[in-house]
Amino acid sequence: MIINLFLFVVLELASGFCNNLSQFLAVRSLYGIAMGGKVSSDNFLSLADQLTSRRALWTRSCYCT
């Protein structure tokens, strides 16, 4: 996750230094790939947070019965 956040910073700064449209599109496409990696880790972290909350455990037990 730290590596992914580092990629966000580097690619976002690199998009400001692009000289033409093709460079900009290449950098932004790499940024989109990095965004895909972040979304999957965010989903995992939000699921882990939901599983540890008391309310989520209670609602999950109600739906199972």
PDB file of N, CA and C in Angstrom:
ATOM      1  N   MET A   1       0.816  -1.183   0.000  1.00  0.00           N
ATOM      2  CA  MET A   1       0.000   0.000   0.000  1.00  0.00           C
ATOM      3  C   MET A   1       0.872   1.264   0.000  1.00  0.00           C
ATOM      4  N   ILE A   2       1.960   1.217   0.730  1.00  0.00           N
ATOM      5  CA  ILE A   2       2.857   2.368   0.749  1.00  0.00           C
ATOM      6  C   ILE A   2       3.491   2.574  -0.627  1.00  0.00           C
ATOM      7  N   ILE A   3       3.855   1.487  -1.272  1.00  0.00           N
ATOM      8  CA  ILE A   3       4.432   1.580  -2.623  1.00  0.00           C
ATOM      9  C   ILE A   3       3.408   2.164  -3.588  1.00  0.00           C
ATOM     10  N   ASN A   4       2.165   1.739  -3.438  1.00  0.00           N
ATOM     11  CA  ASN A   4       1.102   2.235  -4.302  1.00  0.00           C
ATOM     12  C   ASN A   4       0.879   3.733  -4.085  1.00  0.00           C
ATOM     13  N   LEU A   5       0.891   4.180  -2.845  1.00  0.00           N
ATOM     14  CA  LEU A   5       0.731   5.604  -2.573  1.00  0.00           C
ATOM     15  C   LEU A   5       1.922   6.399  -3.102  1.00  0.00           C
ATOM     16  N   PHE A   6       3.111   5.813  -3.022  1.00  0.00           N
ATOM     17  CA  PHE A   6       4.292   6.457  -3.598  1.00  0.00           C
ATOM     18  C   PHE A   6       4.138   6.609  -5.114  1.00  0.00           C
ATOM     19  N   LEU A   7       3.583   5.574  -5.771  1.00  0.00           N
ATOM     20  CA  LEU A   7       3.337   5.660  -7.216  1.00  0.00           C
ATOM     21  C   LEU A   7       2.354   6.774  -7.543  1.00  0.00           C
ATOM     22  N   PHE A   8       1.334   6.951  -6.706  1.00  0.00           N
ATOM     23  CA  PHE A   8       0.390   8.049  -6.930  1.00  0.00           C
ATOM     24  C   PHE A   8       1.100   9.391  -6.948  1.00  0.00           C
ATOM     25  N   VAL A   9       1.958   9.601  -5.965  1.00  0.00           N
ATOM     26  CA  VAL A   9       2.659  10.882  -5.865  1.00  0.00           C
ATOM     27  C   VAL A   9       3.566  11.093  -7.068  1.00  0.00           C
ATOM     28  N   VAL A  10       4.338  10.086  -7.413  1.00  0.00           N
ATOM     29  CA  VAL A  10       5.283  10.212  -8.527  1.00  0.00           C
ATOM     30  C   VAL A  10       4.552  10.426  -9.846  1.00  0.00           C
ATOM     31  N   LEU A  11       3.512   9.643 -10.095  1.00  0.00           N
ATOM     32  CA  LEU A  11       2.806   9.769 -11.368  1.00  0.00           C
ATOM     33  C   LEU A  11       2.007  11.059 -11.458  1.00  0.00           C
ATOM     34  N   GLU A  12       1.477  11.518 -10.329  1.00  0.00           N
ATOM     35  CA  GLU A  12       0.754  12.790 -10.356  1.00  0.00           C
ATOM     36  C   GLU A  12       1.700  13.951 -10.632  1.00  0.00           C
ATOM     37  N   LEU A  13       2.881  13.928 -10.028  1.00  0.00           N
ATOM     38  CA  LEU A  13       3.863  14.969 -10.312  1.00  0.00           C
ATOM     39  C   LEU A  13       4.382  14.863 -11.738  1.00  0.00           C
ATOM     40  N   ALA A  14       4.547  13.641 -12.234  1.00  0.00           N
ATOM     41  CA  ALA A  14       5.045  13.452 -13.599  1.00  0.00           C
ATOM     42  C   ALA A  14       4.043  13.968 -14.626  1.00  0.00           C
ATOM     43  N   SER A  15       2.756  13.891 -14.321  1.00  0.00           N
ATOM     44  CA  SER A  15       1.769  14.393 -15.280  1.00  0.00           C
ATOM     45  C   SER A  15       1.865  15.911 -15.438  1.00  0.00           C
ATOM     46  N   GLY A  16       2.373  16.593 -14.440  1.00  0.00           N
ATOM     47  CA  GLY A  16       2.560  18.037 -14.562  1.00  0.00           C
ATOM     48  C   GLY A  16       3.752  18.425 -15.420  1.00  0.00           C
ATOM     49  N   PHE A  17       4.681  17.508 -15.622  1.00  0.00           N
ATOM     50  CA  PHE A  17       5.885  17.799 -16.403  1.00  0.00           C
ATOM     51  C   PHE A  17       5.836  17.232 -17.822  1.00  0.00           C
ATOM     52  N   CYS A  18       4.704  16.736 -18.246  1.00  0.00           N
ATOM     53  CA  CYS A  18       4.580  16.179 -19.602  1.00  0.00           C
ATOM     54  C   CYS A  18       4.619  17.306 -20.629  1.00  0.00           C
ATOM     55  N   ASN A  19       5.267  17.014 -21.757  1.00  0.00           N
ATOM     56  CA  ASN A  19       5.426  18.026 -22.802  1.00  0.00           C
ATOM     57  C   ASN A  19       4.373  17.950 -23.886  1.00  0.00           C
ATOM     58  N   ASN A  20       3.805  16.783 -24.112  1.00  0.00           N
ATOM     59  CA  ASN A  20       2.786  16.657 -25.151  1.00  0.00           C
ATOM     60  C   ASN A  20       1.681  15.708 -24.691  1.00  0.00           C
ATOM     61  N   LEU A  21       0.688  15.579 -25.531  1.00  0.00           N
ATOM     62  CA  LEU A  21      -0.494  14.802 -25.165  1.00  0.00           C
ATOM     63  C   LEU A  21      -0.183  13.319 -25.022  1.00  0.00           C
ATOM     64  N   SER A  22       0.675  12.778 -25.860  1.00  0.00           N
ATOM     65  CA  SER A  22       0.974  11.346 -25.782  1.00  0.00           C
ATOM     66  C   SER A  22       1.694  10.999 -24.474  1.00  0.00           C
ATOM     67  N   GLN A  23       2.590  11.855 -24.028  1.00  0.00           N
ATOM     68  CA  GLN A  23       3.244  11.629 -22.737  1.00  0.00           C
ATOM     69  C   GLN A  23       2.228  11.721 -21.599  1.00  0.00           C
ATOM     70  N   PHE A  24       1.365  12.703 -21.683  1.00  0.00           N
ATOM     71  CA  PHE A  24       0.354  12.877 -20.651  1.00  0.00           C
ATOM     72  C   PHE A  24      -0.568  11.664 -20.572  1.00  0.00           C
ATOM     73  N   LEU A  25      -1.014  11.158 -21.707  1.00  0.00           N
ATOM     74  CA  LEU A  25      -1.896   9.994 -21.721  1.00  0.00           C
ATOM     75  C   LEU A  25      -1.183   8.740 -21.204  1.00  0.00           C
ATOM     76  N   ALA A  26       0.095   8.608 -21.507  1.00  0.00           N
ATOM     77  CA  ALA A  26       0.854   7.461 -21.010  1.00  0.00           C
ATOM     78  C   ALA A  26       0.979   7.503 -19.488  1.00  0.00           C
ATOM     79  N   VAL A  27       1.296   8.684 -18.959  1.00  0.00           N
ATOM     80  CA  VAL A  27       1.439   8.813 -17.510  1.00  0.00           C
ATOM     81  C   VAL A  27       0.099   8.613 -16.819  1.00  0.00           C
ATOM     82  N   ARG A  28      -0.958   9.168 -17.390  1.00  0.00           N
ATOM     83  CA  ARG A  28      -2.273   9.024 -16.766  1.00  0.00           C
ATOM     84  C   ARG A  28      -2.794   7.590 -16.859  1.00  0.00           C
ATOM     85  N   SER A  29      -2.410   6.858 -17.888  1.00  0.00           N
ATOM     86  CA  SER A  29      -2.819   5.449 -17.951  1.00  0.00           C
ATOM     87  C   SER A  29      -2.099   4.641 -16.877  1.00  0.00           C
ATOM     88  N   LEU A  30      -0.822   4.945 -16.628  1.00  0.00           N
ATOM     89  CA  LEU A  30      -0.116   4.297 -15.520  1.00  0.00           C
ATOM     90  C   LEU A  30      -0.734   4.682 -14.180  1.00  0.00           C
ATOM     91  N   TYR A  31      -1.183   5.925 -14.073  1.00  0.00           N
ATOM     92  CA  TYR A  31      -1.870   6.375 -12.873  1.00  0.00           C
ATOM     93  C   TYR A  31      -3.167   5.585 -12.673  1.00  0.00           C
ATOM     94  N   GLY A  32      -3.872   5.301 -13.749  1.00  0.00           N
ATOM     95  CA  GLY A  32      -5.096   4.501 -13.672  1.00  0.00           C
ATOM     96  C   GLY A  32      -4.819   3.079 -13.226  1.00  0.00           C
ATOM     97  N   ILE A  33      -3.726   2.511 -13.655  1.00  0.00           N
ATOM     98  CA  ILE A  33      -3.345   1.166 -13.208  1.00  0.00           C
ATOM     99  C   ILE A  33      -3.046   1.187 -11.714  1.00  0.00           C
ATOM    100  N   ALA A  34      -2.347   2.217 -11.269  1.00  0.00           N
ATOM    101  CA  ALA A  34      -2.075   2.347  -9.837  1.00  0.00           C
ATOM    102  C   ALA A  34      -3.369   2.537  -9.055  1.00  0.00           C
ATOM    103  N   MET A  35      -4.327   3.240  -9.622  1.00  0.00           N
ATOM    104  CA  MET A  35      -5.621   3.439  -8.975  1.00  0.00           C
ATOM    105  C   MET A  35      -6.348   2.105  -8.816  1.00  0.00           C
ATOM    106  N   GLY A  36      -6.228   1.222  -9.802  1.00  0.00           N
ATOM    107  CA  GLY A  36      -6.830  -0.105  -9.689  1.00  0.00           C
ATOM    108  C   GLY A  36      -6.241  -0.905  -8.544  1.00  0.00           C
ATOM    109  N   GLY A  37      -4.942  -0.764  -8.313  1.00  0.00           N
ATOM    110  CA  GLY A  37      -4.317  -1.434  -7.182  1.00  0.00           C
ATOM    111  C   GLY A  37      -4.769  -0.865  -5.856  1.00  0.00           C
ATOM    112  N   LYS A  38      -5.026   0.420  -5.809  1.00  0.00           N
ATOM    113  CA  LYS A  38      -5.470   1.058  -4.573  1.00  0.00           C
ATOM    114  C   LYS A  38      -6.899   0.654  -4.242  1.00  0.00           C
ATOM    115  N   VAL A  39      -7.750   0.539  -5.237  1.00  0.00           N
ATOM    116  CA  VAL A  39      -9.145   0.197  -4.990  1.00  0.00           C
ATOM    117  C   VAL A  39      -9.262  -1.186  -4.367  1.00  0.00           C
ATOM    118  N   SER A  40      -8.467  -2.130  -4.839  1.00  0.00           N
ATOM    119  CA  SER A  40      -8.558  -3.475  -4.273  1.00  0.00           C
ATOM    120  C   SER A  40      -8.085  -3.500  -2.824  1.00  0.00           C
ATOM    121  N   SER A  41      -7.042  -2.742  -2.492  1.00  0.00           N
ATOM    122  CA  SER A  41      -6.595  -2.703  -1.097  1.00  0.00           C
ATOM    123  C   SER A  41      -7.586  -1.938  -0.229  1.00  0.00           C
ATOM    124  N   ASP A  42      -8.234  -0.912  -0.775  1.00  0.00           N
ATOM    125  CA  ASP A  42      -9.253  -0.189  -0.015  1.00  0.00           C
ATOM    126  C   ASP A  42     -10.444  -1.075   0.304  1.00  0.00           C
ATOM    127  N   ASN A  43     -10.841  -1.901  -0.662  1.00  0.00           N
ATOM    128  CA  ASN A  43     -11.950  -2.818  -0.411  1.00  0.00           C
ATOM    129  C   ASN A  43     -11.614  -3.799   0.703  1.00  0.00           C
ATOM    130  N   PHE A  44     -10.407  -4.313   0.703  1.00  0.00           N
ATOM    131  CA  PHE A  44      -9.992  -5.240   1.741  1.00  0.00           C
ATOM    132  C   PHE A  44      -9.968  -4.567   3.108  1.00  0.00           C
ATOM    133  N   LEU A  45      -9.428  -3.352   3.167  1.00  0.00           N
ATOM    134  CA  LEU A  45      -9.356  -2.651   4.444  1.00  0.00           C
ATOM    135  C   LEU A  45     -10.732  -2.281   4.970  1.00  0.00           C
ATOM    136  N   SER A  46     -11.651  -1.896   4.099  1.00  0.00           N
ATOM    137  CA  SER A  46     -12.993  -1.565   4.568  1.00  0.00           C
ATOM    138  C   SER A  46     -13.723  -2.818   5.038  1.00  0.00           C
ATOM    139  N   LEU A  47     -13.501  -3.949   4.389  1.00  0.00           N
ATOM    140  CA  LEU A  47     -14.113  -5.194   4.830  1.00  0.00           C
ATOM    141  C   LEU A  47     -13.554  -5.614   6.181  1.00  0.00           C
ATOM    142  N   ALA A  48     -12.257  -5.469   6.373  1.00  0.00           N
ATOM    143  CA  ALA A  48     -11.657  -5.823   7.653  1.00  0.00           C
ATOM    144  C   ALA A  48     -12.177  -4.913   8.759  1.00  0.00           C
ATOM    145  N   ASP A  49     -12.406  -3.650   8.456  1.00  0.00           N
ATOM    146  CA  ASP A  49     -12.946  -2.725   9.452  1.00  0.00           C
ATOM    147  C   ASP A  49     -14.386  -3.081   9.792  1.00  0.00           C
ATOM    148  N   GLN A  50     -15.167  -3.478   8.798  1.00  0.00           N
ATOM    149  CA  GLN A  50     -16.556  -3.847   9.044  1.00  0.00           C
ATOM    150  C   GLN A  50     -16.654  -5.119   9.860  1.00  0.00           C
ATOM    151  N   LEU A  51     -15.735  -6.042   9.649  1.00  0.00           N
ATOM    152  CA  LEU A  51     -15.809  -7.306  10.370  1.00  0.00           C
ATOM    153  C   LEU A  51     -15.455  -7.150  11.840  1.00  0.00           C
ATOM    154  N   THR A  52     -14.717  -6.126  12.181  1.00  0.00           N
ATOM    155  CA  THR A  52     -14.317  -5.961  13.569  1.00  0.00           C
ATOM    156  C   THR A  52     -15.281  -5.085  14.363  1.00  0.00           C
ATOM    157  N   SER A  53     -16.186  -4.390  13.701  1.00  0.00           N
ATOM    158  CA  SER A  53     -17.109  -3.543  14.453  1.00  0.00           C
ATOM    159  C   SER A  53     -18.222  -4.391  15.063  1.00  0.00           C
ATOM    160  N   ARG A  54     -18.664  -3.989  16.218  1.00  0.00           N
ATOM    161  CA  ARG A  54     -19.692  -4.746  16.949  1.00  0.00           C
ATOM    162  C   ARG A  54     -21.017  -4.736  16.199  1.00  0.00           C
ATOM    163  N   ARG A  55     -21.359  -3.610  15.583  1.00  0.00           N
ATOM    164  CA  ARG A  55     -22.626  -3.532  14.868  1.00  0.00           C
ATOM    165  C   ARG A  55     -22.635  -4.467  13.666  1.00  0.00           C
ATOM    166  N   ALA A  56     -21.518  -4.545  12.947  1.00  0.00           N
ATOM    167  CA  ALA A  56     -21.440  -5.425  11.783  1.00  0.00           C
ATOM    168  C   ALA A  56     -21.579  -6.884  12.205  1.00  0.00           C
ATOM    169  N   LEU A  57     -20.983  -7.246  13.336  1.00  0.00           N
ATOM    170  CA  LEU A  57     -21.122  -8.616  13.813  1.00  0.00           C
ATOM    171  C   LEU A  57     -22.564  -8.920  14.180  1.00  0.00           C
ATOM    172  N   TRP A  58     -23.248  -7.954  14.788  1.00  0.00           N
ATOM    173  CA  TRP A  58     -24.632  -8.179  15.181  1.00  0.00           C
ATOM    174  C   TRP A  58     -25.535  -8.296  13.962  1.00  0.00           C
ATOM    175  N   THR A  59     -25.380  -7.413  12.979  1.00  0.00           N
ATOM    176  CA  THR A  59     -26.241  -7.466  11.794  1.00  0.00           C
ATOM    177  C   THR A  59     -25.940  -8.717  10.956  1.00  0.00           C
ATOM    178  N   ARG A  60     -24.682  -9.119  10.940  1.00  0.00           N
ATOM    179  CA  ARG A  60     -24.348 -10.329  10.181  1.00  0.00           C
ATOM    180  C   ARG A  60     -24.968 -11.549  10.835  1.00  0.00           C
ATOM    181  N   SER A  61     -25.025 -11.599  12.168  1.00  0.00           N
ATOM    182  CA  SER A  61     -25.620 -12.745  12.849  1.00  0.00           C
ATOM    183  C   SER A  61     -27.131 -12.763  12.660  1.00  0.00           C
ATOM    184  N   CYS A  62     -27.744 -11.586  12.515  1.00  0.00           N
ATOM    185  CA  CYS A  62     -29.196 -11.531  12.299  1.00  0.00           C
ATOM    186  C   CYS A  62     -29.551 -12.030  10.910  1.00  0.00           C
ATOM    187  N   TYR A  63     -28.739 -11.707   9.925  1.00  0.00           N
ATOM    188  CA  TYR A  63     -29.038 -12.149   8.573  1.00  0.00           C
ATOM    189  C   TYR A  63     -28.771 -13.637   8.376  1.00  0.00           C
ATOM    190  N   CYS A  64     -27.915 -14.208   9.208  1.00  0.00           N
ATOM    191  CA  CYS A  64     -27.591 -15.629   9.038  1.00  0.00           C
ATOM    192  C   CYS A  64     -28.697 -16.532   9.574  1.00  0.00           C
ATOM    193  N   THR A  65     -29.498 -16.042  10.504  1.00  0.00           N
ATOM    194  CA  THR A  65     -30.536 -16.912  11.096  1.00  0.00           C
ATOM    195  C   THR A  65     -31.837 -16.796  10.387  1.00  0.00           C
TER     196      THR A  65
END
